[in-house]
Structures are given as structure tokens and as C-alpha cells.
N, C-alpha and C. Protein backbone atom coordinates (compact mmCIF):
# COMPACT_ATOMS: atom_id res chain seq x y z
N UNK A 1 127.45 13.01 81.39
CA UNK A 1 127.02 12.73 82.49
C UNK A 1 127.83 13.30 83.69
N UNK A 2 128.16 13.61 84.94
CA UNK A 2 129.15 13.68 85.38
C UNK A 2 130.13 12.75 85.94
N UNK A 3 131.09 13.13 85.94
CA UNK A 3 132.40 12.08 86.06
C UNK A 3 133.24 12.08 87.63
N UNK A 4 133.32 13.08 88.42
CA UNK A 4 134.38 13.40 89.74
C UNK A 4 132.82 13.29 90.91
N UNK A 5 133.53 12.66 91.53
CA UNK A 5 132.56 12.27 92.87
C UNK A 5 131.75 13.30 93.43
N UNK A 6 132.37 14.45 93.31
CA UNK A 6 131.54 15.67 94.04
C UNK A 6 130.11 16.29 92.81
N UNK A 7 130.78 15.96 91.71
CA UNK A 7 129.76 16.37 90.56
C UNK A 7 128.29 15.52 90.38
N UNK A 8 128.93 13.82 91.05
CA UNK A 8 127.75 12.99 90.92
C UNK A 8 127.02 13.27 92.50
N UNK A 9 127.79 13.66 93.10
CA UNK A 9 127.02 13.98 94.45
C UNK A 9 125.75 15.62 94.27
N UNK A 10 126.52 15.94 93.60
CA UNK A 10 125.45 16.77 93.35
C UNK A 10 124.39 16.95 92.21
N UNK A 11 124.96 15.60 91.46
CA UNK A 11 123.69 15.36 90.37
C UNK A 11 122.68 14.35 91.35
N UNK A 12 123.12 13.75 92.42
CA UNK A 12 121.66 13.19 93.03
C UNK A 12 120.86 14.25 93.59
N UNK A 13 121.55 14.64 94.47
CA UNK A 13 121.05 15.93 95.38
C UNK A 13 120.12 16.49 94.25
N UNK A 14 120.48 16.88 93.50
CA UNK A 14 119.26 17.56 92.12
C UNK A 14 118.56 17.31 92.33
N UNK A 15 118.25 15.93 92.20
CA UNK A 15 117.63 14.98 91.75
C UNK A 15 116.37 14.86 92.33
N UNK A 16 116.65 14.59 94.06
CA UNK A 16 116.05 14.61 95.35
C UNK A 16 115.29 15.93 95.28
N UNK A 17 115.96 17.36 95.18
CA UNK A 17 115.27 18.24 95.42
C UNK A 17 114.64 18.63 94.20
N UNK A 18 114.48 17.94 92.87
CA UNK A 18 113.64 18.33 91.97
C UNK A 18 112.28 17.55 92.03
N UNK A 19 112.67 16.52 93.03
CA UNK A 19 111.25 16.00 93.28
C UNK A 19 110.38 16.10 93.90
N UNK A 20 111.03 17.45 95.38
CA UNK A 20 110.70 17.53 96.14
C UNK A 20 109.95 18.86 95.44
N UNK A 21 110.48 19.85 94.87
CA UNK A 21 110.09 20.90 94.53
C UNK A 21 108.73 20.83 93.99
N UNK A 22 109.15 19.50 92.61
CA UNK A 22 107.55 18.84 91.91
C UNK A 22 106.29 19.19 92.92
N UNK A 23 106.42 18.25 93.98
CA UNK A 23 105.24 17.84 94.59
C UNK A 23 104.79 19.20 95.12
N UNK A 24 105.60 20.01 95.82
CA UNK A 24 104.90 20.93 96.55
C UNK A 24 104.54 21.64 95.73
N UNK A 25 105.28 22.52 94.47
CA UNK A 25 104.52 23.01 92.90
C UNK A 25 102.76 22.54 92.47
N UNK A 26 102.88 21.36 92.48
CA UNK A 26 101.94 20.53 92.13
C UNK A 26 100.99 20.68 93.47
N UNK A 27 101.35 20.94 94.65
CA UNK A 27 100.04 20.68 95.61
C UNK A 27 99.92 22.53 95.15
N UNK A 28 100.68 23.45 95.59
CA UNK A 28 100.23 24.68 95.57
C UNK A 28 99.69 25.59 93.90
N UNK A 29 99.62 24.25 92.99
CA UNK A 29 98.55 24.74 91.65
C UNK A 29 97.63 23.81 92.33
N UNK A 30 97.18 22.98 92.64
CA UNK A 30 95.97 22.46 93.34
C UNK A 30 95.35 23.42 93.97
N UNK A 31 95.89 23.70 95.17
CA UNK A 31 95.38 24.73 96.37
C UNK A 31 94.92 25.56 95.64
N UNK A 32 95.52 26.63 94.64
CA UNK A 32 95.10 27.89 93.64
C UNK A 32 93.53 27.55 93.00
N UNK A 33 93.71 26.22 92.54
CA UNK A 33 92.55 25.47 91.45
C UNK A 33 91.06 25.31 92.32
N UNK A 34 91.44 24.57 93.85
CA UNK A 34 90.41 24.79 94.40
C UNK A 34 89.88 25.84 95.11
N UNK A 35 90.86 27.39 95.14
CA UNK A 35 89.93 29.05 95.20
C UNK A 35 89.63 28.97 93.88
N UNK A 36 90.26 28.76 92.95
CA UNK A 36 88.91 29.49 91.72
C UNK A 36 87.44 29.02 91.40
N UNK A 37 87.65 27.49 91.75
CA UNK A 37 86.54 26.83 91.69
C UNK A 37 85.38 27.70 92.89
N UNK A 38 85.84 27.16 93.83
CA UNK A 38 85.29 27.73 95.11
C UNK A 38 84.45 29.78 94.30
N UNK A 39 85.35 30.19 93.80
CA UNK A 39 85.24 31.58 93.78
C UNK A 39 83.95 31.23 92.50
N UNK A 40 84.06 30.69 91.44
CA UNK A 40 83.44 30.72 90.48
C UNK A 40 81.82 30.32 90.76
N UNK A 41 81.90 29.27 92.12
CA UNK A 41 80.47 28.76 92.27
C UNK A 41 80.14 29.87 93.08
N UNK A 42 80.65 30.87 94.01
CA UNK A 42 80.45 31.75 94.66
C UNK A 42 80.11 31.88 96.22
N UNK A 43 80.43 30.50 96.09
CA UNK A 43 81.03 29.73 98.06
C UNK A 43 82.28 30.68 98.74
N UNK A 44 81.85 31.90 99.29
CA UNK A 44 82.32 33.19 99.65
C UNK A 44 83.65 31.68 101.47
N UNK A 45 82.78 31.52 101.76
CA UNK A 45 82.97 30.45 103.23
C UNK A 45 84.21 29.59 102.86
N UNK A 46 83.74 28.55 101.78
CA UNK A 46 84.78 27.56 101.03
C UNK A 46 86.04 28.11 100.30
N UNK A 47 85.60 29.52 99.66
CA UNK A 47 86.95 30.13 98.96
C UNK A 47 87.98 30.82 100.11
N UNK A 48 87.68 31.01 100.93
CA UNK A 48 88.75 31.64 102.01
C UNK A 48 89.18 30.86 102.82
N UNK A 49 88.41 29.73 103.08
CA UNK A 49 89.68 28.29 103.23
C UNK A 49 90.62 28.19 102.46
N UNK A 50 89.81 27.40 101.16
CA UNK A 50 90.63 27.51 100.87
C UNK A 50 91.76 28.54 100.18
N UNK A 51 91.40 30.09 100.36
CA UNK A 51 92.34 30.75 100.46
C UNK A 51 93.61 31.07 101.15
N UNK A 52 92.64 30.36 102.53
CA UNK A 52 93.84 30.35 103.41
C UNK A 52 94.78 29.45 103.26
N UNK A 53 94.78 27.82 102.75
CA UNK A 53 95.84 26.88 102.36
C UNK A 53 96.68 27.42 100.79
N UNK A 54 96.12 27.56 100.19
CA UNK A 54 96.53 28.25 98.88
C UNK A 54 98.23 29.50 99.13
N UNK A 55 97.01 30.34 99.94
CA UNK A 55 98.55 31.53 100.54
C UNK A 55 99.68 30.93 101.31
N UNK A 56 99.30 29.72 101.90
CA UNK A 56 100.51 28.97 103.00
C UNK A 56 101.22 28.72 101.58
N UNK A 57 100.59 28.00 101.28
CA UNK A 57 102.00 27.34 100.10
C UNK A 57 102.60 27.73 99.05
N UNK A 58 101.45 29.53 98.45
CA UNK A 58 102.24 30.09 97.53
C UNK A 58 103.46 30.50 98.55
N UNK A 59 102.98 31.41 100.08
CA UNK A 59 104.52 32.14 100.15
C UNK A 59 105.47 30.73 100.71
N UNK A 60 104.75 29.80 100.78
CA UNK A 60 106.30 29.26 100.93
C UNK A 60 106.95 28.85 99.83
N UNK A 61 106.32 29.10 98.82
CA UNK A 61 107.42 28.76 97.37
C UNK A 61 107.59 29.55 97.26
N UNK A 62 107.61 30.84 97.63
CA UNK A 62 108.45 32.23 97.83
C UNK A 62 109.63 31.69 98.59
N UNK A 63 109.32 31.24 99.60
CA UNK A 63 110.47 31.58 100.27
C UNK A 63 111.95 30.24 99.76
N UNK A 64 111.36 29.89 99.58
CA UNK A 64 111.72 28.54 99.12
C UNK A 64 112.71 28.60 97.61
N UNK A 65 112.41 29.56 97.16
CA UNK A 65 112.61 29.92 95.91
C UNK A 65 112.19 29.27 94.54
N UNK A 66 111.49 28.55 95.08
CA UNK A 66 110.27 27.79 93.84
C UNK A 66 109.97 28.50 92.36
N UNK A 67 109.61 29.94 93.37
CA UNK A 67 108.88 30.77 92.25
C UNK A 67 109.28 32.33 93.07
N UNK A 68 110.05 33.14 92.00
CA UNK A 68 110.55 34.81 92.69
C UNK A 68 109.35 35.49 94.25
N UNK A 69 109.80 35.71 94.91
CA UNK A 69 109.10 36.63 95.62
C UNK A 69 108.01 37.06 95.55
N UNK A 70 108.15 38.43 94.87
CA UNK A 70 107.65 39.06 93.44
C UNK A 70 105.38 38.21 93.15
N UNK A 71 106.39 37.25 92.31
CA UNK A 71 105.59 36.18 91.62
C UNK A 71 104.81 36.11 92.83
N UNK A 72 105.24 35.55 93.85
CA UNK A 72 104.54 35.25 95.15
C UNK A 72 103.43 36.06 95.39
N UNK A 73 103.99 36.76 95.74
CA UNK A 73 102.95 38.25 96.49
C UNK A 73 101.96 38.34 95.46
N UNK A 74 102.48 38.45 94.32
CA UNK A 74 101.39 38.65 93.31
C UNK A 74 100.69 37.98 93.35
N UNK A 75 100.60 36.79 92.99
CA UNK A 75 99.34 35.47 93.05
C UNK A 75 98.53 35.43 93.44
N UNK A 76 99.25 35.97 95.25
CA UNK A 76 98.31 35.53 96.43
C UNK A 76 97.40 37.17 97.03
N UNK A 77 97.95 38.09 95.86
CA UNK A 77 97.08 39.39 95.55
C UNK A 77 95.78 39.16 94.92
N UNK A 78 96.05 38.78 93.80
CA UNK A 78 95.24 38.06 93.22
C UNK A 78 94.24 37.15 93.85
N UNK A 79 94.32 35.95 93.88
CA UNK A 79 93.45 35.32 94.54
C UNK A 79 92.92 35.87 95.86
N UNK A 80 93.47 36.70 96.70
CA UNK A 80 92.81 37.19 97.72
C UNK A 80 91.27 38.54 96.63
N UNK A 81 91.98 39.06 96.19
CA UNK A 81 90.91 40.62 95.12
C UNK A 81 89.81 39.18 94.36
N UNK A 82 89.68 38.12 93.80
CA UNK A 82 89.00 37.16 93.43
C UNK A 82 87.95 36.88 94.27
N UNK A 83 88.72 36.24 95.69
CA UNK A 83 87.82 35.96 96.77
C UNK A 83 86.90 37.35 97.20
N UNK A 84 87.25 38.50 97.30
CA UNK A 84 86.59 39.56 97.95
C UNK A 84 85.54 39.99 97.02
N UNK A 85 86.13 39.91 95.72
CA UNK A 85 84.81 40.18 94.67
C UNK A 85 83.49 39.10 94.46
N UNK A 86 84.10 38.34 95.03
CA UNK A 86 82.71 37.33 95.59
C UNK A 86 81.10 38.31 96.03
N UNK A 87 80.09 38.38 95.62
CA UNK A 87 79.20 39.21 96.02
C UNK A 87 78.02 39.04 96.94
């Protein structure tokens, strides 16, 4: 456990940030899952709507350093190819 006041403050800040990151990453995963469910169902309109939301959340996670920017780009690209693959 931290002993200095600055280390205690940093621990409090880290705890708050961890909660924020966890909720945002959970929302991102849920959005990706919605895209994949729509793709598997073959519903192109629902998939494209879900893709727009998921893309926004993934890009935000990349900007906020919750995941590497390259990983965010790769995930968006793969989701986009899944949606385009709907017949």
C-alpha cells in the first residue's frame, strides 16, 4: 500500500480510471457482439447500424489508450469486412 500522500492520491486516481476504462471496454465489447449477431443473422441494415456504433467505441478506445491504435484499426477493419460479406 502507498505511504506518501502523492502515492495515495495516484492510487485513488488509478482506481477511478480503472472503473471508467472497464465500463467503456465492456460497452465496446457489447457493441462488437451486436455487430456479429446481426452479421450471423444476415441482417445487413441492423449490422451497419451496429457497426457505426461499434466503430465509434473502438476508435475512442484507441484514442484513449485503452487498446493500441493499430489493434483498434484492425478490429474496425475486420468488422467492416464481416458486414460487407453479408450477401
